[in-house]
Amino acid sequence: MKGIFITMEGPDGSGKSTQIRLLEEYLQDKGYNVVVTREPGGTRISEDIRKVILDTSNTNMSPYTEALLYAASRAQHVHEVILPALRDGKIVICDRFVDSSLVYQGFARGLGIDKIKEINDFATGGLEPDITLFFDIDADTALKRIGNRTKRDRLDKEDIKFHRKVYEGYMKIKEMYSHRIEVINATYDIENIFKHIKDVVDKILELNEKEVLR
């Protein structure tokens, strides 16, 4: 089997974590070898960088520093985890990938989507997901969902204007990459959201099997 790279995108509070767990169980039950990982993070080095990025005491971090730290974390993650798993024919489910940087640093921080893509193409060797599931939920609703969290990171604590810019950025890139971004209505109940995800992923699996048989 050819490896399949699935990424999950959306604002914090969109319900990604729950759906990732359900999808992992679903695919494992079907007999697939699944690797679940996250960004920033996924390796020891990348997790160390994550701590620096999200540390609430790092309020003076430059947007440029933030963007480069994300790219550095991602470079190690791709090298150590994602590419080896894909070469082994595994299904990789990643909570966030390059799209997050395009949205958060490229659009919301104002550094430019094209520039951030260039940096991340260098970091990842141009690796792109086979499918990206974008959990669509507006910033105000998402923030209400995470409001009860006892621990909020540096990005969680940004003001509402920033989070609205993030949502606006997602609206932009879903049009830019419509060939691989599937919009998931994250305001639906868990069961209906997962049904949509299963339908999308099953189609990817079917296409993948057809390619192998060629």
N, C-alpha and C. Protein backbone atom coordinates (compact mmCIF):
# COMPACT_ATOMS: atom_id res chain seq x y z
N MET A 1 0.83 -1.20 0.00
CA MET A 1 0.00 0.00 0.00
C MET A 1 0.87 1.26 0.00
N LYS A 2 0.43 2.25 -0.75
CA LYS A 2 1.10 3.55 -0.75
C LYS A 2 0.67 4.32 0.50
N GLY A 3 1.62 4.99 1.14
CA GLY A 3 1.28 5.77 2.33
C GLY A 3 0.29 6.88 2.01
N ILE A 4 -0.51 7.22 3.00
CA ILE A 4 -1.51 8.29 2.85
C ILE A 4 -1.29 9.32 3.96
N PHE A 5 -1.25 10.58 3.56
CA PHE A 5 -1.00 11.67 4.51
C PHE A 5 -2.27 12.50 4.66
N ILE A 6 -2.85 12.42 5.86
CA ILE A 6 -4.09 13.16 6.18
C ILE A 6 -3.76 14.22 7.22
N THR A 7 -4.13 15.47 6.95
CA THR A 7 -3.93 16.53 7.94
C THR A 7 -5.27 17.09 8.40
N MET A 8 -5.29 17.54 9.65
CA MET A 8 -6.48 18.13 10.25
C MET A 8 -6.18 19.59 10.57
N GLU A 9 -7.05 20.48 10.13
CA GLU A 9 -6.85 21.91 10.33
C GLU A 9 -8.10 22.55 10.91
N GLY A 10 -7.91 23.68 11.56
CA GLY A 10 -9.02 24.44 12.11
C GLY A 10 -8.62 25.13 13.39
N PRO A 11 -9.42 26.07 13.83
CA PRO A 11 -9.11 26.78 15.07
C PRO A 11 -9.14 25.85 16.27
N ASP A 12 -8.40 26.19 17.32
CA ASP A 12 -8.53 25.45 18.57
C ASP A 12 -9.97 25.54 19.04
N GLY A 13 -10.51 24.42 19.50
CA GLY A 13 -11.90 24.40 19.92
C GLY A 13 -12.82 23.88 18.84
N SER A 14 -12.25 23.47 17.70
CA SER A 14 -13.08 23.00 16.59
C SER A 14 -13.44 21.52 16.69
N GLY A 15 -12.83 20.81 17.64
CA GLY A 15 -13.16 19.40 17.84
C GLY A 15 -12.25 18.44 17.10
N LYS A 16 -11.09 18.91 16.64
CA LYS A 16 -10.17 18.07 15.89
C LYS A 16 -9.73 16.84 16.69
N SER A 17 -9.38 17.04 17.94
CA SER A 17 -8.81 15.96 18.75
C SER A 17 -9.75 14.77 18.86
N THR A 18 -11.02 15.05 19.09
CA THR A 18 -12.02 13.97 19.20
C THR A 18 -12.11 13.19 17.90
N GLN A 19 -12.16 13.89 16.78
CA GLN A 19 -12.32 13.25 15.48
C GLN A 19 -11.06 12.49 15.06
N ILE A 20 -9.90 12.98 15.44
CA ILE A 20 -8.66 12.28 15.15
C ILE A 20 -8.67 10.92 15.86
N ARG A 21 -9.08 10.91 17.11
CA ARG A 21 -9.15 9.67 17.87
C ARG A 21 -10.13 8.68 17.23
N LEU A 22 -11.29 9.16 16.81
CA LEU A 22 -12.29 8.31 16.17
C LEU A 22 -11.78 7.76 14.84
N LEU A 23 -11.11 8.60 14.07
CA LEU A 23 -10.59 8.17 12.78
C LEU A 23 -9.48 7.13 12.95
N GLU A 24 -8.62 7.35 13.92
CA GLU A 24 -7.55 6.38 14.20
C GLU A 24 -8.15 5.00 14.51
N GLU A 25 -9.16 4.97 15.38
CA GLU A 25 -9.79 3.71 15.74
C GLU A 25 -10.47 3.06 14.54
N TYR A 26 -11.13 3.87 13.72
CA TYR A 26 -11.82 3.38 12.54
C TYR A 26 -10.85 2.72 11.56
N LEU A 27 -9.74 3.38 11.29
CA LEU A 27 -8.77 2.86 10.34
C LEU A 27 -8.04 1.63 10.88
N GLN A 28 -7.74 1.63 12.17
CA GLN A 28 -7.10 0.46 12.77
C GLN A 28 -8.02 -0.75 12.71
N ASP A 29 -9.31 -0.53 12.95
CA ASP A 29 -10.29 -1.62 12.88
C ASP A 29 -10.38 -2.20 11.47
N LYS A 30 -10.06 -1.38 10.46
CA LYS A 30 -10.08 -1.83 9.07
C LYS A 30 -8.75 -2.49 8.68
N GLY A 31 -7.82 -2.53 9.63
CA GLY A 31 -6.56 -3.23 9.40
C GLY A 31 -5.41 -2.38 8.92
N TYR A 32 -5.58 -1.05 8.93
CA TYR A 32 -4.51 -0.17 8.47
C TYR A 32 -3.53 0.15 9.60
N ASN A 33 -2.29 0.37 9.21
CA ASN A 33 -1.25 0.79 10.16
C ASN A 33 -1.28 2.31 10.20
N VAL A 34 -1.59 2.87 11.36
CA VAL A 34 -1.85 4.31 11.47
C VAL A 34 -0.85 4.97 12.42
N VAL A 35 -0.35 6.11 11.99
CA VAL A 35 0.51 6.95 12.85
C VAL A 35 -0.22 8.26 13.10
N VAL A 36 -0.47 8.57 14.36
CA VAL A 36 -1.10 9.84 14.73
C VAL A 36 -0.05 10.74 15.35
N THR A 37 0.04 11.96 14.85
CA THR A 37 1.06 12.88 15.35
C THR A 37 0.50 14.30 15.35
N ARG A 38 1.31 15.26 15.77
CA ARG A 38 0.81 16.63 15.87
C ARG A 38 1.90 17.65 15.57
N GLU A 39 1.44 18.87 15.32
CA GLU A 39 2.37 19.98 15.13
C GLU A 39 1.90 21.20 15.93
N PRO A 40 2.84 21.99 16.43
CA PRO A 40 4.27 21.66 16.47
C PRO A 40 4.50 20.49 17.43
N GLY A 41 5.44 19.64 17.10
CA GLY A 41 5.73 18.48 17.95
C GLY A 41 5.95 17.24 17.13
N GLY A 42 5.71 16.09 17.75
CA GLY A 42 5.82 14.82 17.07
C GLY A 42 7.15 14.11 17.23
N THR A 43 8.19 14.85 17.60
CA THR A 43 9.51 14.27 17.89
C THR A 43 10.05 14.98 19.14
N ARG A 44 11.11 14.43 19.71
CA ARG A 44 11.66 15.07 20.92
C ARG A 44 12.11 16.49 20.63
N ILE A 45 12.84 16.66 19.53
CA ILE A 45 13.33 18.00 19.17
C ILE A 45 12.15 18.94 18.89
N SER A 46 11.20 18.45 18.13
CA SER A 46 10.04 19.28 17.75
C SER A 46 9.20 19.65 18.97
N GLU A 47 9.09 18.72 19.92
CA GLU A 47 8.33 19.02 21.14
C GLU A 47 9.04 20.07 21.99
N ASP A 48 10.38 20.04 21.98
CA ASP A 48 11.14 21.07 22.70
C ASP A 48 10.88 22.44 22.08
N ILE A 49 10.84 22.48 20.74
CA ILE A 49 10.55 23.75 20.06
C ILE A 49 9.12 24.20 20.36
N ARG A 50 8.19 23.24 20.43
CA ARG A 50 6.80 23.55 20.76
C ARG A 50 6.70 24.29 22.10
N LYS A 51 7.46 23.82 23.07
CA LYS A 51 7.42 24.46 24.39
C LYS A 51 7.82 25.93 24.31
N VAL A 52 8.82 26.22 23.50
CA VAL A 52 9.28 27.60 23.34
C VAL A 52 8.20 28.44 22.64
N ILE A 53 7.62 27.88 21.58
CA ILE A 53 6.62 28.63 20.80
C ILE A 53 5.40 28.98 21.65
N LEU A 54 4.91 28.02 22.44
CA LEU A 54 3.64 28.19 23.13
C LEU A 54 3.77 28.69 24.57
N ASP A 55 5.00 28.86 25.03
CA ASP A 55 5.23 29.33 26.40
C ASP A 55 4.61 30.72 26.58
N THR A 56 3.73 30.86 27.54
CA THR A 56 3.02 32.13 27.76
C THR A 56 3.95 33.25 28.23
N SER A 57 5.15 32.90 28.68
CA SER A 57 6.09 33.94 29.11
C SER A 57 6.82 34.57 27.92
N ASN A 58 6.72 33.95 26.74
CA ASN A 58 7.42 34.46 25.56
C ASN A 58 6.56 35.46 24.79
N THR A 59 6.08 36.46 25.49
CA THR A 59 5.17 37.44 24.88
C THR A 59 5.87 38.37 23.90
N ASN A 60 7.19 38.44 24.00
CA ASN A 60 7.94 39.35 23.14
C ASN A 60 8.46 38.67 21.87
N MET A 61 7.98 37.45 21.59
CA MET A 61 8.48 36.72 20.43
C MET A 61 8.09 37.42 19.13
N SER A 62 9.07 37.63 18.27
CA SER A 62 8.83 38.23 16.95
C SER A 62 8.02 37.27 16.08
N PRO A 63 7.12 37.79 15.26
CA PRO A 63 6.40 36.92 14.31
C PRO A 63 7.35 36.15 13.39
N TYR A 64 8.50 36.76 13.07
CA TYR A 64 9.48 36.09 12.22
C TYR A 64 10.10 34.90 12.96
N THR A 65 10.42 35.12 14.22
CA THR A 65 10.96 34.03 15.04
C THR A 65 9.94 32.91 15.15
N GLU A 66 8.69 33.27 15.39
CA GLU A 66 7.62 32.30 15.51
C GLU A 66 7.51 31.45 14.24
N ALA A 67 7.51 32.12 13.09
CA ALA A 67 7.39 31.41 11.81
C ALA A 67 8.54 30.45 11.58
N LEU A 68 9.76 30.89 11.90
CA LEU A 68 10.94 30.06 11.67
C LEU A 68 11.00 28.89 12.65
N LEU A 69 10.53 29.11 13.88
CA LEU A 69 10.49 28.01 14.85
C LEU A 69 9.50 26.93 14.40
N TYR A 70 8.35 27.34 13.92
CA TYR A 70 7.38 26.37 13.40
C TYR A 70 7.99 25.57 12.25
N ALA A 71 8.66 26.26 11.34
CA ALA A 71 9.26 25.59 10.18
C ALA A 71 10.37 24.63 10.62
N ALA A 72 11.16 25.02 11.62
CA ALA A 72 12.24 24.16 12.12
C ALA A 72 11.66 22.91 12.76
N SER A 73 10.63 23.10 13.58
CA SER A 73 9.96 21.96 14.20
C SER A 73 9.41 21.01 13.14
N ARG A 74 8.82 21.60 12.11
CA ARG A 74 8.20 20.81 11.03
C ARG A 74 9.26 20.05 10.24
N ALA A 75 10.39 20.66 9.99
CA ALA A 75 11.46 20.00 9.24
C ALA A 75 11.90 18.72 9.94
N GLN A 76 12.08 18.79 11.24
CA GLN A 76 12.48 17.62 12.01
C GLN A 76 11.38 16.56 12.03
N HIS A 77 10.16 17.02 12.15
CA HIS A 77 8.99 16.13 12.19
C HIS A 77 8.85 15.35 10.89
N VAL A 78 8.97 16.04 9.78
CA VAL A 78 8.87 15.39 8.47
C VAL A 78 10.00 14.38 8.29
N HIS A 79 11.21 14.80 8.64
CA HIS A 79 12.40 13.96 8.48
C HIS A 79 12.34 12.70 9.34
N GLU A 80 11.90 12.86 10.58
CA GLU A 80 12.00 11.77 11.56
C GLU A 80 10.75 10.89 11.64
N VAL A 81 9.58 11.46 11.37
CA VAL A 81 8.34 10.71 11.58
C VAL A 81 7.51 10.54 10.31
N ILE A 82 7.15 11.66 9.68
CA ILE A 82 6.15 11.61 8.61
C ILE A 82 6.65 10.87 7.37
N LEU A 83 7.78 11.27 6.83
CA LEU A 83 8.28 10.62 5.61
C LEU A 83 8.59 9.14 5.81
N PRO A 84 9.27 8.75 6.90
CA PRO A 84 9.51 7.32 7.11
C PRO A 84 8.21 6.50 7.18
N ALA A 85 7.19 7.06 7.82
CA ALA A 85 5.91 6.34 7.93
C ALA A 85 5.25 6.20 6.56
N LEU A 86 5.27 7.26 5.77
CA LEU A 86 4.67 7.20 4.43
C LEU A 86 5.42 6.22 3.54
N ARG A 87 6.73 6.19 3.66
CA ARG A 87 7.52 5.23 2.86
C ARG A 87 7.20 3.79 3.24
N ASP A 88 6.82 3.59 4.49
CA ASP A 88 6.45 2.25 4.95
C ASP A 88 5.00 1.89 4.63
N GLY A 89 4.31 2.78 3.92
CA GLY A 89 2.94 2.49 3.53
C GLY A 89 1.91 2.71 4.62
N LYS A 90 2.25 3.51 5.61
CA LYS A 90 1.33 3.77 6.72
C LYS A 90 0.43 4.97 6.41
N ILE A 91 -0.64 5.07 7.16
CA ILE A 91 -1.51 6.25 7.09
C ILE A 91 -1.08 7.19 8.21
N VAL A 92 -0.71 8.39 7.85
CA VAL A 92 -0.31 9.39 8.84
C VAL A 92 -1.44 10.40 9.01
N ILE A 93 -1.89 10.56 10.25
CA ILE A 93 -2.88 11.58 10.59
C ILE A 93 -2.18 12.64 11.43
N CYS A 94 -2.11 13.84 10.92
CA CYS A 94 -1.37 14.90 11.60
C CYS A 94 -2.29 16.05 12.00
N ASP A 95 -2.28 16.36 13.28
CA ASP A 95 -3.03 17.50 13.81
C ASP A 95 -2.25 18.77 13.50
N ARG A 96 -2.62 19.44 12.41
CA ARG A 96 -1.99 20.65 11.86
C ARG A 96 -0.76 20.30 11.02
N PHE A 97 -0.55 21.15 10.00
CA PHE A 97 0.65 21.04 9.16
C PHE A 97 0.92 22.41 8.58
N VAL A 98 1.44 22.50 7.38
CA VAL A 98 1.86 23.78 6.79
C VAL A 98 0.72 24.79 6.73
N ASP A 99 -0.50 24.32 6.46
CA ASP A 99 -1.64 25.24 6.37
C ASP A 99 -1.77 26.13 7.60
N SER A 100 -1.48 25.57 8.77
CA SER A 100 -1.56 26.37 10.00
C SER A 100 -0.60 27.54 9.96
N SER A 101 0.60 27.30 9.45
CA SER A 101 1.58 28.39 9.36
C SER A 101 1.17 29.43 8.32
N LEU A 102 0.60 28.96 7.21
CA LEU A 102 0.12 29.91 6.20
C LEU A 102 -0.93 30.84 6.80
N VAL A 103 -1.80 30.26 7.64
CA VAL A 103 -2.90 31.02 8.22
C VAL A 103 -2.44 31.88 9.40
N TYR A 104 -1.77 31.27 10.36
CA TYR A 104 -1.41 31.99 11.59
C TYR A 104 -0.30 33.00 11.37
N GLN A 105 0.80 32.57 10.75
CA GLN A 105 1.92 33.50 10.55
C GLN A 105 1.80 34.26 9.22
N GLY A 106 1.42 33.56 8.17
CA GLY A 106 1.33 34.21 6.86
C GLY A 106 0.23 35.25 6.80
N PHE A 107 -0.97 34.88 7.27
CA PHE A 107 -2.11 35.78 7.15
C PHE A 107 -2.36 36.59 8.43
N ALA A 108 -2.59 35.90 9.55
CA ALA A 108 -2.95 36.61 10.78
C ALA A 108 -1.81 37.49 11.31
N ARG A 109 -0.57 37.02 11.18
CA ARG A 109 0.59 37.84 11.61
C ARG A 109 1.04 38.81 10.52
N GLY A 110 0.53 38.63 9.31
CA GLY A 110 0.82 39.56 8.24
C GLY A 110 2.17 39.37 7.56
N LEU A 111 2.76 38.18 7.67
CA LEU A 111 4.07 37.96 7.06
C LEU A 111 3.99 37.58 5.58
N GLY A 112 2.78 37.24 5.14
CA GLY A 112 2.59 36.90 3.73
C GLY A 112 2.52 35.40 3.51
N ILE A 113 1.43 34.95 2.93
CA ILE A 113 1.24 33.52 2.68
C ILE A 113 2.33 32.96 1.78
N ASP A 114 2.68 33.67 0.73
CA ASP A 114 3.69 33.18 -0.21
C ASP A 114 5.04 33.00 0.46
N LYS A 115 5.42 33.96 1.30
CA LYS A 115 6.72 33.87 1.99
C LYS A 115 6.74 32.69 2.95
N ILE A 116 5.66 32.50 3.70
CA ILE A 116 5.60 31.38 4.65
C ILE A 116 5.59 30.05 3.92
N LYS A 117 4.93 30.00 2.78
CA LYS A 117 4.94 28.76 1.99
C LYS A 117 6.35 28.45 1.50
N GLU A 118 7.07 29.47 1.09
CA GLU A 118 8.44 29.28 0.62
C GLU A 118 9.33 28.69 1.72
N ILE A 119 9.21 29.25 2.92
CA ILE A 119 9.99 28.77 4.07
C ILE A 119 9.66 27.31 4.36
N ASN A 120 8.37 26.99 4.33
CA ASN A 120 7.94 25.64 4.69
C ASN A 120 8.18 24.63 3.58
N ASP A 121 8.16 25.07 2.34
CA ASP A 121 8.54 24.17 1.24
C ASP A 121 10.00 23.73 1.41
N PHE A 122 10.83 24.66 1.85
CA PHE A 122 12.23 24.33 2.12
C PHE A 122 12.33 23.34 3.29
N ALA A 123 11.53 23.58 4.34
CA ALA A 123 11.58 22.74 5.54
C ALA A 123 11.07 21.33 5.28
N THR A 124 10.08 21.18 4.41
CA THR A 124 9.42 19.88 4.21
C THR A 124 9.79 19.20 2.90
N GLY A 125 10.59 19.87 2.07
CA GLY A 125 10.88 19.31 0.76
C GLY A 125 9.66 19.35 -0.15
N GLY A 126 8.72 20.25 0.16
CA GLY A 126 7.52 20.39 -0.66
C GLY A 126 6.45 19.34 -0.39
N LEU A 127 6.57 18.62 0.71
CA LEU A 127 5.57 17.60 1.04
C LEU A 127 4.19 18.21 1.23
N GLU A 128 3.18 17.61 0.58
CA GLU A 128 1.79 18.07 0.73
C GLU A 128 0.91 16.91 1.18
N PRO A 129 -0.14 17.20 1.95
CA PRO A 129 -1.07 16.15 2.35
C PRO A 129 -1.84 15.61 1.15
N ASP A 130 -2.28 14.36 1.26
CA ASP A 130 -3.19 13.81 0.25
C ASP A 130 -4.58 14.41 0.42
N ILE A 131 -4.95 14.66 1.65
CA ILE A 131 -6.24 15.29 1.95
C ILE A 131 -6.11 16.08 3.26
N THR A 132 -6.74 17.24 3.29
CA THR A 132 -6.78 18.07 4.49
C THR A 132 -8.23 18.27 4.89
N LEU A 133 -8.54 17.94 6.12
CA LEU A 133 -9.88 18.13 6.65
C LEU A 133 -9.89 19.42 7.46
N PHE A 134 -10.61 20.41 6.96
CA PHE A 134 -10.69 21.70 7.65
C PHE A 134 -11.96 21.77 8.47
N PHE A 135 -11.82 21.89 9.77
CA PHE A 135 -12.94 21.95 10.69
C PHE A 135 -13.41 23.41 10.78
N ASP A 136 -14.51 23.67 10.11
CA ASP A 136 -15.00 25.04 9.93
C ASP A 136 -15.87 25.45 11.12
N ILE A 137 -15.36 26.42 11.88
CA ILE A 137 -16.10 26.98 13.01
C ILE A 137 -15.60 28.41 13.22
N ASP A 138 -16.51 29.34 13.45
CA ASP A 138 -16.08 30.74 13.57
C ASP A 138 -15.30 30.96 14.87
N ALA A 139 -14.52 32.02 14.89
CA ALA A 139 -13.61 32.29 16.00
C ALA A 139 -14.34 32.47 17.33
N ASP A 140 -15.46 33.16 17.32
CA ASP A 140 -16.17 33.42 18.57
C ASP A 140 -16.67 32.12 19.21
N THR A 141 -17.23 31.24 18.39
CA THR A 141 -17.72 29.95 18.91
C THR A 141 -16.58 29.09 19.40
N ALA A 142 -15.48 29.06 18.63
CA ALA A 142 -14.32 28.25 19.02
C ALA A 142 -13.73 28.73 20.34
N LEU A 143 -13.64 30.04 20.51
CA LEU A 143 -13.07 30.58 21.75
C LEU A 143 -13.96 30.28 22.95
N LYS A 144 -15.25 30.26 22.74
CA LYS A 144 -16.16 29.89 23.84
C LYS A 144 -15.90 28.46 24.28
N ARG A 145 -15.62 27.59 23.31
CA ARG A 145 -15.36 26.19 23.62
C ARG A 145 -14.09 26.01 24.43
N ILE A 146 -13.05 26.80 24.12
CA ILE A 146 -11.78 26.64 24.85
C ILE A 146 -11.72 27.51 26.09
N GLY A 147 -12.76 28.29 26.32
CA GLY A 147 -12.76 29.19 27.47
C GLY A 147 -12.69 28.48 28.80
N ASN A 148 -13.14 27.22 28.82
CA ASN A 148 -13.14 26.46 30.07
C ASN A 148 -11.84 25.71 30.32
N ARG A 149 -10.91 25.79 29.38
CA ARG A 149 -9.63 25.11 29.58
C ARG A 149 -8.88 25.71 30.77
N THR A 150 -8.32 24.84 31.58
CA THR A 150 -7.55 25.33 32.73
C THR A 150 -6.18 25.85 32.29
N LYS A 151 -5.68 25.32 31.17
CA LYS A 151 -4.37 25.73 30.68
C LYS A 151 -4.50 26.23 29.26
N ARG A 152 -4.14 27.50 29.03
CA ARG A 152 -4.21 28.09 27.70
C ARG A 152 -2.82 28.56 27.31
N ASP A 153 -2.42 28.26 26.06
CA ASP A 153 -1.07 28.59 25.62
C ASP A 153 -1.01 30.02 25.07
N ARG A 154 0.17 30.40 24.59
CA ARG A 154 0.40 31.78 24.15
C ARG A 154 -0.53 32.19 23.02
N LEU A 155 -0.80 31.27 22.09
CA LEU A 155 -1.68 31.61 20.97
C LEU A 155 -3.14 31.63 21.39
N ASP A 156 -3.52 30.74 22.31
CA ASP A 156 -4.89 30.76 22.84
C ASP A 156 -5.22 32.13 23.43
N LYS A 157 -4.20 32.76 24.02
CA LYS A 157 -4.42 34.01 24.75
C LYS A 157 -4.41 35.26 23.87
N GLU A 158 -4.21 35.07 22.57
CA GLU A 158 -4.29 36.22 21.66
C GLU A 158 -5.72 36.78 21.69
N ASP A 159 -5.86 38.07 21.35
CA ASP A 159 -7.18 38.68 21.42
C ASP A 159 -8.09 38.20 20.29
N ILE A 160 -9.36 38.53 20.40
CA ILE A 160 -10.37 38.05 19.46
C ILE A 160 -10.09 38.51 18.03
N LYS A 161 -9.49 39.69 17.87
CA LYS A 161 -9.17 40.18 16.53
C LYS A 161 -8.22 39.23 15.81
N PHE A 162 -7.23 38.74 16.56
CA PHE A 162 -6.27 37.80 15.98
C PHE A 162 -6.97 36.51 15.55
N HIS A 163 -7.81 35.98 16.42
CA HIS A 163 -8.49 34.72 16.11
C HIS A 163 -9.47 34.88 14.95
N ARG A 164 -10.05 36.06 14.82
CA ARG A 164 -10.92 36.30 13.65
C ARG A 164 -10.09 36.37 12.37
N LYS A 165 -8.88 36.90 12.48
CA LYS A 165 -7.98 36.93 11.32
C LYS A 165 -7.56 35.51 10.93
N VAL A 166 -7.37 34.66 11.93
CA VAL A 166 -7.05 33.26 11.67
C VAL A 166 -8.16 32.61 10.86
N TYR A 167 -9.40 32.84 11.28
CA TYR A 167 -10.54 32.26 10.57
C TYR A 167 -10.61 32.79 9.14
N GLU A 168 -10.36 34.09 9.00
CA GLU A 168 -10.35 34.70 7.67
C GLU A 168 -9.27 34.07 6.79
N GLY A 169 -8.12 33.78 7.42
CA GLY A 169 -7.04 33.12 6.70
C GLY A 169 -7.42 31.74 6.21
N TYR A 170 -8.12 30.99 7.06
CA TYR A 170 -8.58 29.66 6.65
C TYR A 170 -9.56 29.76 5.48
N MET A 171 -10.41 30.77 5.50
CA MET A 171 -11.33 30.96 4.39
C MET A 171 -10.57 31.20 3.08
N LYS A 172 -9.43 31.87 3.20
CA LYS A 172 -8.62 32.17 2.01
C LYS A 172 -7.94 30.92 1.48
N ILE A 173 -7.31 30.14 2.37
CA ILE A 173 -6.53 29.00 1.86
C ILE A 173 -7.43 27.84 1.43
N LYS A 174 -8.66 27.78 1.96
CA LYS A 174 -9.53 26.70 1.49
C LYS A 174 -9.89 26.90 0.02
N GLU A 175 -9.87 28.14 -0.43
CA GLU A 175 -10.09 28.41 -1.86
C GLU A 175 -8.80 28.17 -2.65
N MET A 176 -7.68 28.54 -2.06
CA MET A 176 -6.39 28.36 -2.74
C MET A 176 -6.08 26.89 -2.99
N TYR A 177 -6.45 26.04 -2.04
CA TYR A 177 -6.12 24.61 -2.11
C TYR A 177 -7.38 23.75 -2.09
N SER A 178 -8.35 24.16 -2.86
CA SER A 178 -9.64 23.46 -2.88
C SER A 178 -9.51 22.03 -3.40
N HIS A 179 -8.43 21.73 -4.12
CA HIS A 179 -8.23 20.37 -4.66
C HIS A 179 -7.96 19.35 -3.56
N ARG A 180 -7.50 19.82 -2.38
CA ARG A 180 -7.18 18.86 -1.31
C ARG A 180 -7.83 19.19 0.03
N ILE A 181 -8.45 20.36 0.14
CA ILE A 181 -9.08 20.74 1.41
C ILE A 181 -10.57 20.42 1.38
N GLU A 182 -10.98 19.56 2.29
CA GLU A 182 -12.39 19.20 2.46
C GLU A 182 -12.93 19.94 3.68
N VAL A 183 -13.98 20.71 3.49
CA VAL A 183 -14.55 21.49 4.59
C VAL A 183 -15.51 20.62 5.41
N ILE A 184 -15.25 20.58 6.71
CA ILE A 184 -16.08 19.83 7.65
C ILE A 184 -16.81 20.82 8.55
N ASN A 185 -18.12 20.75 8.59
CA ASN A 185 -18.89 21.65 9.45
C ASN A 185 -18.71 21.22 10.90
N ALA A 186 -17.89 21.98 11.64
CA ALA A 186 -17.55 21.59 13.01
C ALA A 186 -18.62 21.97 14.03
N THR A 187 -19.72 22.55 13.58
CA THR A 187 -20.82 22.88 14.51
C THR A 187 -21.80 21.72 14.63
N TYR A 188 -21.66 20.70 13.76
CA TYR A 188 -22.53 19.53 13.84
C TYR A 188 -22.17 18.68 15.06
N ASP A 189 -23.01 17.71 15.37
CA ASP A 189 -22.70 16.80 16.47
C ASP A 189 -21.59 15.84 16.06
N ILE A 190 -20.98 15.22 17.04
CA ILE A 190 -19.80 14.37 16.82
C ILE A 190 -20.08 13.27 15.80
N GLU A 191 -21.24 12.63 15.89
CA GLU A 191 -21.56 11.51 15.00
C GLU A 191 -21.65 11.94 13.54
N ASN A 192 -22.32 13.07 13.29
CA ASN A 192 -22.47 13.54 11.91
C ASN A 192 -21.16 14.05 11.33
N ILE A 193 -20.35 14.67 12.17
CA ILE A 193 -19.02 15.10 11.72
C ILE A 193 -18.20 13.89 11.30
N PHE A 194 -18.23 12.85 12.14
CA PHE A 194 -17.43 11.67 11.84
C PHE A 194 -17.94 10.94 10.60
N LYS A 195 -19.23 10.94 10.39
CA LYS A 195 -19.78 10.32 9.19
C LYS A 195 -19.23 10.99 7.93
N HIS A 196 -19.18 12.33 7.95
CA HIS A 196 -18.62 13.07 6.82
C HIS A 196 -17.14 12.70 6.62
N ILE A 197 -16.40 12.64 7.71
CA ILE A 197 -14.98 12.31 7.64
C ILE A 197 -14.78 10.91 7.07
N LYS A 198 -15.55 9.95 7.54
CA LYS A 198 -15.44 8.58 7.04
C LYS A 198 -15.69 8.52 5.53
N ASP A 199 -16.70 9.24 5.07
CA ASP A 199 -17.02 9.26 3.64
C ASP A 199 -15.84 9.78 2.83
N VAL A 200 -15.22 10.85 3.31
CA VAL A 200 -14.08 11.45 2.60
C VAL A 200 -12.88 10.51 2.61
N VAL A 201 -12.56 9.97 3.77
CA VAL A 201 -11.39 9.10 3.90
C VAL A 201 -11.58 7.79 3.14
N ASP A 202 -12.77 7.24 3.15
CA ASP A 202 -13.04 6.01 2.40
C ASP A 202 -12.77 6.21 0.91
N LYS A 203 -13.11 7.37 0.39
CA LYS A 203 -12.86 7.66 -1.03
C LYS A 203 -11.35 7.72 -1.31
N ILE A 204 -10.60 8.31 -0.38
CA ILE A 204 -9.14 8.39 -0.52
C ILE A 204 -8.55 6.98 -0.50
N LEU A 205 -9.03 6.13 0.40
CA LEU A 205 -8.54 4.76 0.49
C LEU A 205 -8.82 3.99 -0.80
N GLU A 206 -10.00 4.20 -1.34
CA GLU A 206 -10.39 3.52 -2.58
C GLU A 206 -9.49 3.95 -3.74
N LEU A 207 -9.24 5.26 -3.84
CA LEU A 207 -8.36 5.76 -4.89
C LEU A 207 -6.95 5.23 -4.72
N ASN A 208 -6.50 5.17 -3.48
CA ASN A 208 -5.15 4.68 -3.20
C ASN A 208 -4.99 3.21 -3.62
N GLU A 209 -6.01 2.41 -3.34
CA GLU A 209 -5.96 0.99 -3.71
C GLU A 209 -5.97 0.81 -5.21
N LYS A 210 -6.71 1.65 -5.93
CA LYS A 210 -6.75 1.58 -7.39
C LYS A 210 -5.41 1.92 -7.99
N GLU A 211 -4.72 2.90 -7.40
CA GLU A 211 -3.39 3.30 -7.89
C GLU A 211 -2.39 2.16 -7.70
N VAL A 212 -2.50 1.47 -6.57
CA VAL A 212 -1.57 0.36 -6.28
C VAL A 212 -1.77 -0.77 -7.29
N LEU A 213 -3.01 -0.98 -7.72
CA LEU A 213 -3.32 -2.07 -8.63
C LEU A 213 -2.94 -1.78 -10.08
N ARG A 214 -2.64 -0.54 -10.39
CA ARG A 214 -2.29 -0.19 -11.77
C ARG A 214 -0.96 -0.80 -12.21
